[in-house]
Amino acid sequence: MVALTLGQVRGMAAEAIALLSAPELASLLADLAEEKAALGAVESGLHDA
């Protein structure tokens, strides 16, 4: 198992984002927003249960 520091993860994410074109980045951000909304709905459902 490989352990990464938060700084290493941030660095890798920054490198990956730098390689994306603007449309790809916009698509990625939209996907992340959808995932965040879905997780929020699940979390809300768990708190209501």
N, C-alpha and C. Protein backbone atom coordinates (compact mmCIF):
# COMPACT_ATOMS: atom_id res chain seq x y z
N MET A 1 0.85 -1.18 0.00
CA MET A 1 0.00 0.00 0.00
C MET A 1 0.90 1.25 0.00
N VAL A 2 0.49 2.22 -0.78
CA VAL A 2 1.26 3.45 -0.88
C VAL A 2 0.53 4.55 -0.13
N ALA A 3 1.23 5.21 0.75
CA ALA A 3 0.64 6.32 1.50
C ALA A 3 1.12 7.63 0.88
N LEU A 4 0.18 8.51 0.60
CA LEU A 4 0.51 9.81 0.02
C LEU A 4 0.14 10.91 1.00
N THR A 5 0.93 11.94 0.99
CA THR A 5 0.57 13.10 1.81
C THR A 5 -0.45 13.93 1.06
N LEU A 6 -1.15 14.79 1.79
CA LEU A 6 -2.12 15.67 1.16
C LEU A 6 -1.44 16.57 0.13
N GLY A 7 -0.24 17.01 0.43
CA GLY A 7 0.51 17.84 -0.51
C GLY A 7 0.81 17.11 -1.81
N GLN A 8 1.14 15.82 -1.71
CA GLN A 8 1.41 15.03 -2.92
C GLN A 8 0.15 14.87 -3.74
N VAL A 9 -0.97 14.61 -3.08
CA VAL A 9 -2.24 14.45 -3.78
C VAL A 9 -2.62 15.76 -4.48
N ARG A 10 -2.46 16.87 -3.78
CA ARG A 10 -2.77 18.17 -4.38
C ARG A 10 -1.88 18.44 -5.58
N GLY A 11 -0.60 18.11 -5.47
CA GLY A 11 0.33 18.30 -6.58
C GLY A 11 -0.05 17.48 -7.79
N MET A 12 -0.41 16.22 -7.56
CA MET A 12 -0.82 15.36 -8.67
C MET A 12 -2.11 15.87 -9.30
N ALA A 13 -3.04 16.33 -8.48
CA ALA A 13 -4.29 16.87 -9.01
C ALA A 13 -4.01 18.12 -9.85
N ALA A 14 -3.14 18.98 -9.37
CA ALA A 14 -2.80 20.20 -10.11
C ALA A 14 -2.17 19.85 -11.46
N GLU A 15 -1.30 18.85 -11.48
CA GLU A 15 -0.68 18.43 -12.74
C GLU A 15 -1.73 17.87 -13.70
N ALA A 16 -2.63 17.07 -13.19
CA ALA A 16 -3.66 16.48 -14.04
C ALA A 16 -4.58 17.56 -14.61
N ILE A 17 -4.97 18.51 -13.78
CA ILE A 17 -5.85 19.59 -14.24
C ILE A 17 -5.15 20.43 -15.29
N ALA A 18 -3.85 20.65 -15.13
CA ALA A 18 -3.10 21.45 -16.09
C ALA A 18 -3.08 20.79 -17.47
N LEU A 19 -3.23 19.48 -17.52
CA LEU A 19 -3.22 18.76 -18.80
C LEU A 19 -4.58 18.77 -19.50
N LEU A 20 -5.62 19.16 -18.79
CA LEU A 20 -6.95 19.14 -19.37
C LEU A 20 -7.22 20.39 -20.18
N SER A 21 -8.01 20.24 -21.23
CA SER A 21 -8.45 21.41 -21.98
C SER A 21 -9.61 22.05 -21.23
N ALA A 22 -9.98 23.25 -21.62
CA ALA A 22 -11.08 23.95 -20.95
C ALA A 22 -12.39 23.14 -21.00
N PRO A 23 -12.79 22.59 -22.15
CA PRO A 23 -14.04 21.79 -22.17
C PRO A 23 -13.96 20.55 -21.28
N GLU A 24 -12.79 19.91 -21.25
CA GLU A 24 -12.63 18.72 -20.39
C GLU A 24 -12.73 19.12 -18.92
N LEU A 25 -12.12 20.25 -18.57
CA LEU A 25 -12.16 20.73 -17.19
C LEU A 25 -13.59 21.08 -16.79
N ALA A 26 -14.31 21.75 -17.69
CA ALA A 26 -15.70 22.10 -17.40
C ALA A 26 -16.54 20.84 -17.18
N SER A 27 -16.30 19.83 -18.00
CA SER A 27 -17.03 18.57 -17.86
C SER A 27 -16.69 17.88 -16.54
N LEU A 28 -15.41 17.88 -16.18
CA LEU A 28 -14.99 17.28 -14.92
C LEU A 28 -15.64 17.99 -13.73
N LEU A 29 -15.64 19.32 -13.77
CA LEU A 29 -16.24 20.08 -12.67
C LEU A 29 -17.74 19.82 -12.57
N ALA A 30 -18.41 19.68 -13.72
CA ALA A 30 -19.84 19.37 -13.71
C ALA A 30 -20.08 17.99 -13.10
N ASP A 31 -19.24 17.02 -13.48
CA ASP A 31 -19.36 15.67 -12.91
C ASP A 31 -19.15 15.69 -11.40
N LEU A 32 -18.15 16.44 -10.95
CA LEU A 32 -17.88 16.53 -9.51
C LEU A 32 -19.05 17.18 -8.77
N ALA A 33 -19.66 18.18 -9.38
CA ALA A 33 -20.81 18.83 -8.75
C ALA A 33 -21.97 17.85 -8.61
N GLU A 34 -22.17 17.03 -9.65
CA GLU A 34 -23.23 16.02 -9.58
C GLU A 34 -22.95 15.00 -8.48
N GLU A 35 -21.71 14.55 -8.39
CA GLU A 35 -21.33 13.59 -7.35
C GLU A 35 -21.52 14.19 -5.96
N LYS A 36 -21.13 15.44 -5.80
CA LYS A 36 -21.28 16.11 -4.51
C LYS A 36 -22.76 16.20 -4.13
N ALA A 37 -23.60 16.54 -5.10
CA ALA A 37 -25.04 16.63 -4.84
C ALA A 37 -25.61 15.27 -4.46
N ALA A 38 -25.18 14.23 -5.16
CA ALA A 38 -25.66 12.88 -4.86
C ALA A 38 -25.23 12.45 -3.46
N LEU A 39 -23.98 12.73 -3.11
CA LEU A 39 -23.50 12.37 -1.78
C LEU A 39 -24.25 13.16 -0.70
N GLY A 40 -24.55 14.42 -0.99
CA GLY A 40 -25.30 15.23 -0.05
C GLY A 40 -26.69 14.66 0.19
N ALA A 41 -27.32 14.17 -0.88
CA ALA A 41 -28.65 13.57 -0.76
C ALA A 41 -28.59 12.30 0.08
N VAL A 42 -27.56 11.49 -0.14
CA VAL A 42 -27.40 10.25 0.64
C VAL A 42 -27.16 10.60 2.10
N GLU A 43 -26.29 11.56 2.35
CA GLU A 43 -25.99 11.96 3.72
C GLU A 43 -27.24 12.50 4.41
N SER A 44 -28.02 13.28 3.69
CA SER A 44 -29.25 13.82 4.26
C SER A 44 -30.22 12.70 4.60
N GLY A 45 -30.31 11.71 3.72
CA GLY A 45 -31.18 10.56 3.97
C GLY A 45 -30.74 9.77 5.19
N LEU A 46 -29.44 9.66 5.39
CA LEU A 46 -28.93 8.93 6.54
C LEU A 46 -29.24 9.67 7.84
N HIS A 47 -29.17 10.99 7.80
CA HIS A 47 -29.46 11.77 9.00
C HIS A 47 -30.96 11.73 9.33
N ASP A 48 -31.80 11.61 8.29
CA ASP A 48 -33.24 11.59 8.50
C ASP A 48 -33.73 10.23 9.01
N ALA A 49 -32.92 9.20 8.76
CA ALA A 49 -33.34 7.84 9.12
C ALA A 49 -33.29 7.61 10.62
